[in-house]
PDB file of all heavy atoms in Angstrom:
ATOM      1  N   ASP A   1       0.827  -1.206   0.009  1.00  0.00           N
ATOM      2  CA  ASP A   1       0.005  -0.002   0.005  1.00  0.00           C
ATOM      3  C   ASP A   1       0.857   1.268   0.000  1.00  0.00           C
ATOM      4  O   ASP A   1       0.498   2.265  -0.628  1.00  0.00           O
ATOM      5  CB  ASP A   1      -0.917  -0.001   1.221  1.00  0.00           C
ATOM      6  CG  ASP A   1      -2.061  -1.020   1.120  1.00  0.00           C
ATOM      7  OD1 ASP A   1      -2.322  -1.463  -0.025  1.00  0.00           O
ATOM      8  OD2 ASP A   1      -2.654  -1.350   2.148  1.00  0.00           O
ATOM      9  N   GLN A   2       2.013   1.199   0.679  1.00  0.00           N
ATOM     10  CA  GLN A   2       2.875   2.370   0.739  1.00  0.00           C
ATOM     11  C   GLN A   2       3.425   2.720  -0.626  1.00  0.00           C
ATOM     12  O   GLN A   2       3.626   3.905  -0.964  1.00  0.00           O
ATOM     13  CB  GLN A   2       3.993   2.156   1.723  1.00  0.00           C
ATOM     14  CG  GLN A   2       4.853   3.384   1.995  1.00  0.00           C
ATOM     15  CD  GLN A   2       4.011   4.525   2.622  1.00  0.00           C
ATOM     16  OE1 GLN A   2       3.227   4.286   3.543  1.00  0.00           O
ATOM     17  NE2 GLN A   2       4.182   5.729   2.079  1.00  0.00           N
ATOM     18  N   GLU A   3       3.682   1.710  -1.447  1.00  0.00           N
ATOM     19  CA  GLU A   3       4.158   1.950  -2.816  1.00  0.00           C
ATOM     20  C   GLU A   3       3.120   2.740  -3.593  1.00  0.00           C
ATOM     21  O   GLU A   3       3.411   3.648  -4.388  1.00  0.00           O
ATOM     22  CB  GLU A   3       4.453   0.636  -3.528  1.00  0.00           C
ATOM     23  CG  GLU A   3       5.650  -0.132  -3.008  1.00  0.00           C
ATOM     24  CD  GLU A   3       5.872  -1.408  -3.791  1.00  0.00           C
ATOM     25  OE1 GLU A   3       6.412  -1.340  -4.917  1.00  0.00           O
ATOM     26  OE2 GLU A   3       5.466  -2.492  -3.296  1.00  0.00           O
ATOM     27  N   ILE A   4       1.851   2.368  -3.400  1.00  0.00           N
ATOM     28  CA  ILE A   4       0.747   3.044  -4.102  1.00  0.00           C
ATOM     29  C   ILE A   4       0.646   4.484  -3.640  1.00  0.00           C
ATOM     30  O   ILE A   4       0.525   5.422  -4.461  1.00  0.00           O
ATOM     31  CB  ILE A   4      -0.569   2.283  -3.872  1.00  0.00           C
ATOM     32  CG1 ILE A   4      -0.504   0.914  -4.478  1.00  0.00           C
ATOM     33  CG2 ILE A   4      -1.756   3.096  -4.430  1.00  0.00           C
ATOM     34  CD1 ILE A   4      -1.701   0.023  -4.196  1.00  0.00           C
ATOM     35  N   THR A   5       0.709   4.708  -2.333  1.00  0.00           N
ATOM     36  CA  THR A   5       0.652   6.074  -1.806  1.00  0.00           C
ATOM     37  C   THR A   5       1.797   6.924  -2.304  1.00  0.00           C
ATOM     38  O   THR A   5       1.628   8.074  -2.697  1.00  0.00           O
ATOM     39  CB  THR A   5       0.648   6.037  -0.275  1.00  0.00           C
ATOM     40  OG1 THR A   5      -0.480   5.269   0.174  1.00  0.00           O
ATOM     41  CG2 THR A   5       0.595   7.429   0.315  1.00  0.00           C
ATOM     42  N   ASP A   6       2.995   6.355  -2.256  1.00  0.00           N
ATOM     43  CA  ASP A   6       4.166   7.117  -2.718  1.00  0.00           C
ATOM     44  C   ASP A   6       4.062   7.491  -4.203  1.00  0.00           C
ATOM     45  O   ASP A   6       4.445   8.613  -4.574  1.00  0.00           O
ATOM     46  CB  ASP A   6       5.427   6.287  -2.463  1.00  0.00           C
ATOM     47  CG  ASP A   6       5.760   6.132  -0.985  1.00  0.00           C
ATOM     48  OD1 ASP A   6       5.214   6.892  -0.185  1.00  0.00           O
ATOM     49  OD2 ASP A   6       6.562   5.221  -0.675  1.00  0.00           O
ATOM     50  N   PHE A   7       3.579   6.550  -4.982  1.00  0.00           N
ATOM     51  CA  PHE A   7       3.449   6.868  -6.408  1.00  0.00           C
ATOM     52  C   PHE A   7       2.433   8.002  -6.629  1.00  0.00           C
ATOM     53  O   PHE A   7       2.697   8.903  -7.411  1.00  0.00           O
ATOM     54  CB  PHE A   7       3.012   5.601  -7.183  1.00  0.00           C
ATOM     55  CG  PHE A   7       3.004   5.830  -8.694  1.00  0.00           C
ATOM     56  CD1 PHE A   7       4.113   5.548  -9.436  1.00  0.00           C
ATOM     57  CD2 PHE A   7       1.875   6.317  -9.343  1.00  0.00           C
ATOM     58  CE1 PHE A   7       4.124   5.763 -10.800  1.00  0.00           C
ATOM     59  CE2 PHE A   7       1.862   6.533 -10.688  1.00  0.00           C
ATOM     60  CZ  PHE A   7       2.973   6.266 -11.455  1.00  0.00           C
ATOM     61  N   TYR A   8       1.319   7.934  -5.956  1.00  0.00           N
ATOM     62  CA  TYR A   8       0.315   8.978  -6.105  1.00  0.00           C
ATOM     63  C   TYR A   8       0.876  10.342  -5.704  1.00  0.00           C
ATOM     64  O   TYR A   8       0.727  11.342  -6.424  1.00  0.00           O
ATOM     65  CB  TYR A   8      -0.928   8.675  -5.250  1.00  0.00           C
ATOM     66  CG  TYR A   8      -1.947   9.781  -5.317  1.00  0.00           C
ATOM     67  CD1 TYR A   8      -2.804   9.938  -6.360  1.00  0.00           C
ATOM     68  CD2 TYR A   8      -1.990  10.729  -4.249  1.00  0.00           C
ATOM     69  CE1 TYR A   8      -3.737  11.004  -6.411  1.00  0.00           C
ATOM     70  CE2 TYR A   8      -2.898  11.770  -4.275  1.00  0.00           C
ATOM     71  CZ  TYR A   8      -3.761  11.902  -5.369  1.00  0.00           C
ATOM     72  OH  TYR A   8      -4.659  12.950  -5.382  1.00  0.00           O
ATOM     73  N   ASN A   9       1.522  10.397  -4.532  1.00  0.00           N
ATOM     74  CA  ASN A   9       2.044  11.671  -4.042  1.00  0.00           C
ATOM     75  C   ASN A   9       3.098  12.254  -5.004  1.00  0.00           C
ATOM     76  O   ASN A   9       3.235  13.498  -5.059  1.00  0.00           O
ATOM     77  CB  ASN A   9       2.633  11.494  -2.663  1.00  0.00           C
ATOM     78  CG  ASN A   9       1.593  11.271  -1.607  1.00  0.00           C
ATOM     79  OD1 ASN A   9       0.437  11.674  -1.769  1.00  0.00           O
ATOM     80  ND2 ASN A   9       1.942  10.596  -0.514  1.00  0.00           N
ATOM     81  N   GLY A  10       3.797  11.399  -5.693  1.00  0.00           N
ATOM     82  CA  GLY A  10       4.815  11.895  -6.613  1.00  0.00           C
ATOM     83  C   GLY A  10       4.335  12.150  -8.032  1.00  0.00           C
ATOM     84  O   GLY A  10       5.087  12.668  -8.862  1.00  0.00           O
ATOM     85  N   ASN A  11       3.052  11.807  -8.302  1.00  0.00           N
ATOM     86  CA  ASN A  11       2.565  11.926  -9.670  1.00  0.00           C
ATOM     87  C   ASN A  11       1.124  12.400  -9.702  1.00  0.00           C
ATOM     88  O   ASN A  11       0.309  11.936 -10.527  1.00  0.00           O
ATOM     89  CB  ASN A  11       2.678  10.576 -10.394  1.00  0.00           C
ATOM     90  CG  ASN A  11       4.090  10.057 -10.494  1.00  0.00           C
ATOM     91  OD1 ASN A  11       4.841  10.395 -11.361  1.00  0.00           O
ATOM     92  ND2 ASN A  11       4.460   9.222  -9.500  1.00  0.00           N
ATOM     93  N   LYS A  12       0.751  13.350  -8.827  1.00  0.00           N
ATOM     94  CA  LYS A  12      -0.637  13.794  -8.738  1.00  0.00           C
ATOM     95  C   LYS A  12      -1.138  14.373 -10.054  1.00  0.00           C
ATOM     96  O   LYS A  12      -2.345  14.287 -10.350  1.00  0.00           O
ATOM     97  CB  LYS A  12      -0.785  14.825  -7.632  1.00  0.00           C
ATOM     98  CG  LYS A  12      -0.643  14.266  -6.228  1.00  0.00           C
ATOM     99  CD  LYS A  12      -0.885  15.317  -5.180  1.00  0.00           C
ATOM    100  CE  LYS A  12      -0.758  14.736  -3.767  1.00  0.00           C
ATOM    101  NZ  LYS A  12      -0.989  15.754  -2.712  1.00  0.00           N
ATOM    102  N   GLU A  13      -0.241  14.969 -10.837  1.00  0.00           N
ATOM    103  CA  GLU A  13      -0.668  15.567 -12.107  1.00  0.00           C
ATOM    104  C   GLU A  13      -1.202  14.535 -13.089  1.00  0.00           C
ATOM    105  O   GLU A  13      -1.919  14.913 -14.049  1.00  0.00           O
ATOM    106  CB  GLU A  13       0.493  16.362 -12.735  1.00  0.00           C
ATOM    107  CG  GLU A  13       1.635  15.523 -13.285  1.00  0.00           C
ATOM    108  CD  GLU A  13       2.550  14.961 -12.229  1.00  0.00           C
ATOM    109  OE1 GLU A  13       2.409  15.294 -11.046  1.00  0.00           O
ATOM    110  OE2 GLU A  13       3.494  14.209 -12.625  1.00  0.00           O
ATOM    111  N   GLN A  14      -0.875  13.285 -12.880  1.00  0.00           N
ATOM    112  CA  GLN A  14      -1.366  12.242 -13.784  1.00  0.00           C
ATOM    113  C   GLN A  14      -2.828  11.849 -13.507  1.00  0.00           C
ATOM    114  O   GLN A  14      -3.450  11.247 -14.345  1.00  0.00           O
ATOM    115  CB  GLN A  14      -0.480  11.004 -13.688  1.00  0.00           C
ATOM    116  CG  GLN A  14       0.950  11.204 -14.136  1.00  0.00           C
ATOM    117  CD  GLN A  14       1.715   9.880 -14.092  1.00  0.00           C
ATOM    118  OE1 GLN A  14       1.137   8.786 -14.094  1.00  0.00           O
ATOM    119  NE2 GLN A  14       3.055   9.980 -14.030  1.00  0.00           N
ATOM    120  N   PHE A  15      -3.297  12.214 -12.346  1.00  0.00           N
ATOM    121  CA  PHE A  15      -4.619  11.708 -11.933  1.00  0.00           C
ATOM    122  C   PHE A  15      -5.668  12.787 -12.089  1.00  0.00           C
ATOM    123  O   PHE A  15      -6.125  13.419 -11.134  1.00  0.00           O
ATOM    124  CB  PHE A  15      -4.532  11.161 -10.493  1.00  0.00           C
ATOM    125  CG  PHE A  15      -3.572  10.026 -10.393  1.00  0.00           C
ATOM    126  CD1 PHE A  15      -2.264  10.210 -10.020  1.00  0.00           C
ATOM    127  CD2 PHE A  15      -3.978   8.740 -10.794  1.00  0.00           C
ATOM    128  CE1 PHE A  15      -1.392   9.143  -9.961  1.00  0.00           C
ATOM    129  CE2 PHE A  15      -3.091   7.690 -10.737  1.00  0.00           C
ATOM    130  CZ  PHE A  15      -1.800   7.886 -10.323  1.00  0.00           C
ATOM    131  N   VAL A  16      -6.021  12.980 -13.329  1.00  0.00           N
ATOM    132  CA  VAL A  16      -7.048  13.963 -13.705  1.00  0.00           C
ATOM    133  C   VAL A  16      -7.968  13.283 -14.713  1.00  0.00           C
ATOM    134  O   VAL A  16      -7.505  12.723 -15.703  1.00  0.00           O
ATOM    135  CB  VAL A  16      -6.401  15.232 -14.321  1.00  0.00           C
ATOM    136  CG1 VAL A  16      -7.475  16.211 -14.745  1.00  0.00           C
ATOM    137  CG2 VAL A  16      -5.454  15.882 -13.330  1.00  0.00           C
ATOM    138  N   ASN A  17      -9.274  13.404 -14.440  1.00  0.00           N
ATOM    139  CA  ASN A  17     -10.232  12.965 -15.483  1.00  0.00           C
ATOM    140  C   ASN A  17     -10.351  14.124 -16.472  1.00  0.00           C
ATOM    141  O   ASN A  17     -10.916  15.189 -16.166  1.00  0.00           O
ATOM    142  CB  ASN A  17     -11.609  12.676 -14.854  1.00  0.00           C
ATOM    143  CG  ASN A  17     -11.702  11.245 -14.373  1.00  0.00           C
ATOM    144  OD1 ASN A  17     -10.874  10.420 -14.768  1.00  0.00           O
ATOM    145  ND2 ASN A  17     -12.718  10.965 -13.569  1.00  0.00           N
ATOM    146  N   ALA A  18      -9.772  13.920 -17.647  1.00  0.00           N
ATOM    147  CA  ALA A  18      -9.705  15.008 -18.613  1.00  0.00           C
ATOM    148  C   ALA A  18     -11.070  15.142 -19.307  1.00  0.00           C
ATOM    149  O   ALA A  18     -11.869  14.221 -19.368  1.00  0.00           O
ATOM    150  CB  ALA A  18      -8.620  14.739 -19.637  1.00  0.00           C
ATOM    151  N   ARG A  19     -11.283  16.317 -19.876  1.00  0.00           N
ATOM    152  CA  ARG A  19     -12.450  16.553 -20.740  1.00  0.00           C
ATOM    153  C   ARG A  19     -12.287  15.689 -21.982  1.00  0.00           C
ATOM    154  O   ARG A  19     -11.246  15.792 -22.687  1.00  0.00           O
ATOM    155  CB  ARG A  19     -12.556  18.010 -21.114  1.00  0.00           C
ATOM    156  CG  ARG A  19     -13.579  18.352 -22.169  1.00  0.00           C
ATOM    157  CD  ARG A  19     -13.537  19.847 -22.456  1.00  0.00           C
ATOM    158  NE  ARG A  19     -14.238  20.165 -23.692  1.00  0.00           N
ATOM    159  CZ  ARG A  19     -15.548  20.436 -23.777  1.00  0.00           C
ATOM    160  NH1 ARG A  19     -16.293  20.424 -22.670  1.00  0.00           N
ATOM    161  NH2 ARG A  19     -16.108  20.723 -24.946  1.00  0.00           N
ATOM    162  N   GLY A  20     -13.224  14.821 -22.243  1.00  0.00           N
ATOM    163  CA  GLY A  20     -13.114  13.959 -23.396  1.00  0.00           C
ATOM    164  C   GLY A  20     -14.300  13.035 -23.537  1.00  0.00           C
ATOM    165  O   GLY A  20     -15.293  13.131 -22.810  1.00  0.00           O
ATOM    166  N   VAL A  21     -14.203  12.113 -24.496  1.00  0.00           N
ATOM    167  CA  VAL A  21     -15.300  11.216 -24.771  1.00  0.00           C
ATOM    168  C   VAL A  21     -14.775   9.784 -24.914  1.00  0.00           C
ATOM    169  O   VAL A  21     -13.639   9.564 -25.315  1.00  0.00           O
ATOM    170  CB  VAL A  21     -16.010  11.597 -26.073  1.00  0.00           C
ATOM    171  CG1 VAL A  21     -16.798  12.885 -25.909  1.00  0.00           C
ATOM    172  CG2 VAL A  21     -15.064  11.691 -27.270  1.00  0.00           C
ATOM    173  N   GLN A  22     -15.639   8.857 -24.573  1.00  0.00           N
ATOM    174  CA  GLN A  22     -15.389   7.414 -24.752  1.00  0.00           C
ATOM    175  C   GLN A  22     -16.194   6.975 -25.963  1.00  0.00           C
ATOM    176  O   GLN A  22     -17.414   7.239 -26.025  1.00  0.00           O
ATOM    177  CB  GLN A  22     -15.793   6.623 -23.501  1.00  0.00           C
ATOM    178  CG  GLN A  22     -15.456   5.130 -23.572  1.00  0.00           C
ATOM    179  CD  GLN A  22     -14.057   4.862 -23.036  1.00  0.00           C
ATOM    180  OE1 GLN A  22     -13.448   5.698 -22.382  1.00  0.00           O
ATOM    181  NE2 GLN A  22     -13.571   3.663 -23.278  1.00  0.00           N
ATOM    182  N   LEU A  23     -15.547   6.307 -26.915  1.00  0.00           N
ATOM    183  CA  LEU A  23     -16.202   5.932 -28.164  1.00  0.00           C
ATOM    184  C   LEU A  23     -16.118   4.453 -28.436  1.00  0.00           C
ATOM    185  O   LEU A  23     -15.206   3.777 -27.978  1.00  0.00           O
ATOM    186  CB  LEU A  23     -15.555   6.690 -29.339  1.00  0.00           C
ATOM    187  CG  LEU A  23     -15.609   8.204 -29.300  1.00  0.00           C
ATOM    188  CD1 LEU A  23     -14.784   8.789 -30.462  1.00  0.00           C
ATOM    189  CD2 LEU A  23     -17.049   8.732 -29.359  1.00  0.00           C
ATOM    190  N   ALA A  24     -17.052   3.985 -29.219  1.00  0.00           N
ATOM    191  CA  ALA A  24     -17.018   2.651 -29.809  1.00  0.00           C
ATOM    192  C   ALA A  24     -17.277   2.820 -31.296  1.00  0.00           C
ATOM    193  O   ALA A  24     -17.840   3.836 -31.728  1.00  0.00           O
ATOM    194  CB  ALA A  24     -18.063   1.728 -29.174  1.00  0.00           C
ATOM    195  N   ASP A  25     -16.874   1.815 -32.091  1.00  0.00           N
ATOM    196  CA  ASP A  25     -17.086   1.980 -33.534  1.00  0.00           C
ATOM    197  C   ASP A  25     -17.456   0.628 -34.197  1.00  0.00           C
ATOM    198  O   ASP A  25     -17.255  -0.444 -33.633  1.00  0.00           O
ATOM    199  CB  ASP A  25     -15.854   2.554 -34.237  1.00  0.00           C
ATOM    200  CG  ASP A  25     -14.649   1.639 -34.245  1.00  0.00           C
ATOM    201  OD1 ASP A  25     -14.753   0.485 -33.782  1.00  0.00           O
ATOM    202  OD2 ASP A  25     -13.580   2.079 -34.734  1.00  0.00           O
ATOM    203  N   ILE A  26     -18.067   0.761 -35.353  1.00  0.00           N
ATOM    204  CA  ILE A  26     -18.278  -0.374 -36.256  1.00  0.00           C
ATOM    205  C   ILE A  26     -17.725   0.047 -37.625  1.00  0.00           C
ATOM    206  O   ILE A  26     -18.081   1.134 -38.104  1.00  0.00           O
ATOM    207  CB  ILE A  26     -19.770  -0.759 -36.360  1.00  0.00           C
ATOM    208  CG1 ILE A  26     -20.297  -1.208 -35.015  1.00  0.00           C
ATOM    209  CG2 ILE A  26     -19.959  -1.853 -37.391  1.00  0.00           C
ATOM    210  CD1 ILE A  26     -21.804  -1.462 -35.020  1.00  0.00           C
ATOM    211  N   VAL A  27     -16.880  -0.770 -38.192  1.00  0.00           N
ATOM    212  CA  VAL A  27     -16.155  -0.389 -39.403  1.00  0.00           C
ATOM    213  C   VAL A  27     -16.474  -1.327 -40.557  1.00  0.00           C
ATOM    214  O   VAL A  27     -16.538  -2.554 -40.381  1.00  0.00           O
ATOM    215  CB  VAL A  27     -14.623  -0.409 -39.142  1.00  0.00           C
ATOM    216  CG1 VAL A  27     -13.867  -0.038 -40.412  1.00  0.00           C
ATOM    217  CG2 VAL A  27     -14.246   0.501 -38.014  1.00  0.00           C
ATOM    218  N   ALA A  28     -16.677  -0.753 -41.741  1.00  0.00           N
ATOM    219  CA  ALA A  28     -16.755  -1.505 -42.983  1.00  0.00           C
ATOM    220  C   ALA A  28     -15.632  -0.988 -43.868  1.00  0.00           C
ATOM    221  O   ALA A  28     -15.573   0.214 -44.168  1.00  0.00           O
ATOM    222  CB  ALA A  28     -18.107  -1.359 -43.659  1.00  0.00           C
ATOM    223  N   ASP A  29     -14.744  -1.876 -44.265  1.00  0.00           N
ATOM    224  CA  ASP A  29     -13.513  -1.473 -44.973  1.00  0.00           C
ATOM    225  C   ASP A  29     -13.446  -2.194 -46.304  1.00  0.00           C
ATOM    226  O   ASP A  29     -13.534  -3.421 -46.379  1.00  0.00           O
ATOM    227  CB  ASP A  29     -12.314  -1.825 -44.095  1.00  0.00           C
ATOM    228  CG  ASP A  29     -11.025  -1.217 -44.590  1.00  0.00           C
ATOM    229  OD1 ASP A  29     -11.000  -0.743 -45.736  1.00  0.00           O
ATOM    230  OD2 ASP A  29     -10.045  -1.211 -43.806  1.00  0.00           O
ATOM    231  N   ALA A  30     -13.241  -1.433 -47.362  1.00  0.00           N
ATOM    232  CA  ALA A  30     -13.126  -2.044 -48.718  1.00  0.00           C
ATOM    233  C   ALA A  30     -11.864  -2.889 -48.880  1.00  0.00           C
ATOM    234  O   ALA A  30     -11.770  -3.668 -49.792  1.00  0.00           O
ATOM    235  CB  ALA A  30     -13.171  -0.935 -49.788  1.00  0.00           C
ATOM    236  N   PHE A  31     -10.885  -2.696 -47.999  1.00  0.00           N
ATOM    237  CA  PHE A  31      -9.656  -3.468 -48.071  1.00  0.00           C
ATOM    238  C   PHE A  31      -9.957  -4.951 -47.787  1.00  0.00           C
ATOM    239  O   PHE A  31     -10.628  -5.261 -46.791  1.00  0.00           O
ATOM    240  CB  PHE A  31      -8.630  -2.944 -47.081  1.00  0.00           C
ATOM    241  CG  PHE A  31      -7.379  -3.754 -47.037  1.00  0.00           C
ATOM    242  CD1 PHE A  31      -6.405  -3.624 -48.040  1.00  0.00           C
ATOM    243  CD2 PHE A  31      -7.135  -4.644 -45.989  1.00  0.00           C
ATOM    244  CE1 PHE A  31      -5.226  -4.358 -48.007  1.00  0.00           C
ATOM    245  CE2 PHE A  31      -5.962  -5.365 -45.951  1.00  0.00           C
ATOM    246  CZ  PHE A  31      -5.018  -5.228 -46.948  1.00  0.00           C
ATOM    247  N   ASP A  32      -9.453  -5.846 -48.606  1.00  0.00           N
ATOM    248  CA  ASP A  32      -9.665  -7.266 -48.408  1.00  0.00           C
ATOM    249  C   ASP A  32      -8.847  -7.746 -47.232  1.00  0.00           C
ATOM    250  O   ASP A  32      -7.614  -7.751 -47.280  1.00  0.00           O
ATOM    251  CB  ASP A  32      -9.264  -8.042 -49.685  1.00  0.00           C
ATOM    252  CG  ASP A  32      -9.616  -9.529 -49.601  1.00  0.00           C
ATOM    253  OD1 ASP A  32     -10.013 -10.004 -48.519  1.00  0.00           O
ATOM    254  OD2 ASP A  32      -9.530 -10.207 -50.647  1.00  0.00           O
ATOM    255  N   GLY A  33      -9.514  -8.136 -46.141  1.00  0.00           N
ATOM    256  CA  GLY A  33      -8.822  -8.576 -44.942  1.00  0.00           C
ATOM    257  C   GLY A  33      -8.388 -10.009 -44.995  1.00  0.00           C
ATOM    258  O   GLY A  33      -7.930 -10.533 -43.965  1.00  0.00           O
TER     259      GLY A  33
END
């Protein structure tokens, strides 16, 4: 647990929910797969 705490305290800038979107897709591609 201390490793987790130490990592968070040293990297707080990484823990931000950024403005953005989660996407899914369905693709039809003319390239012969």
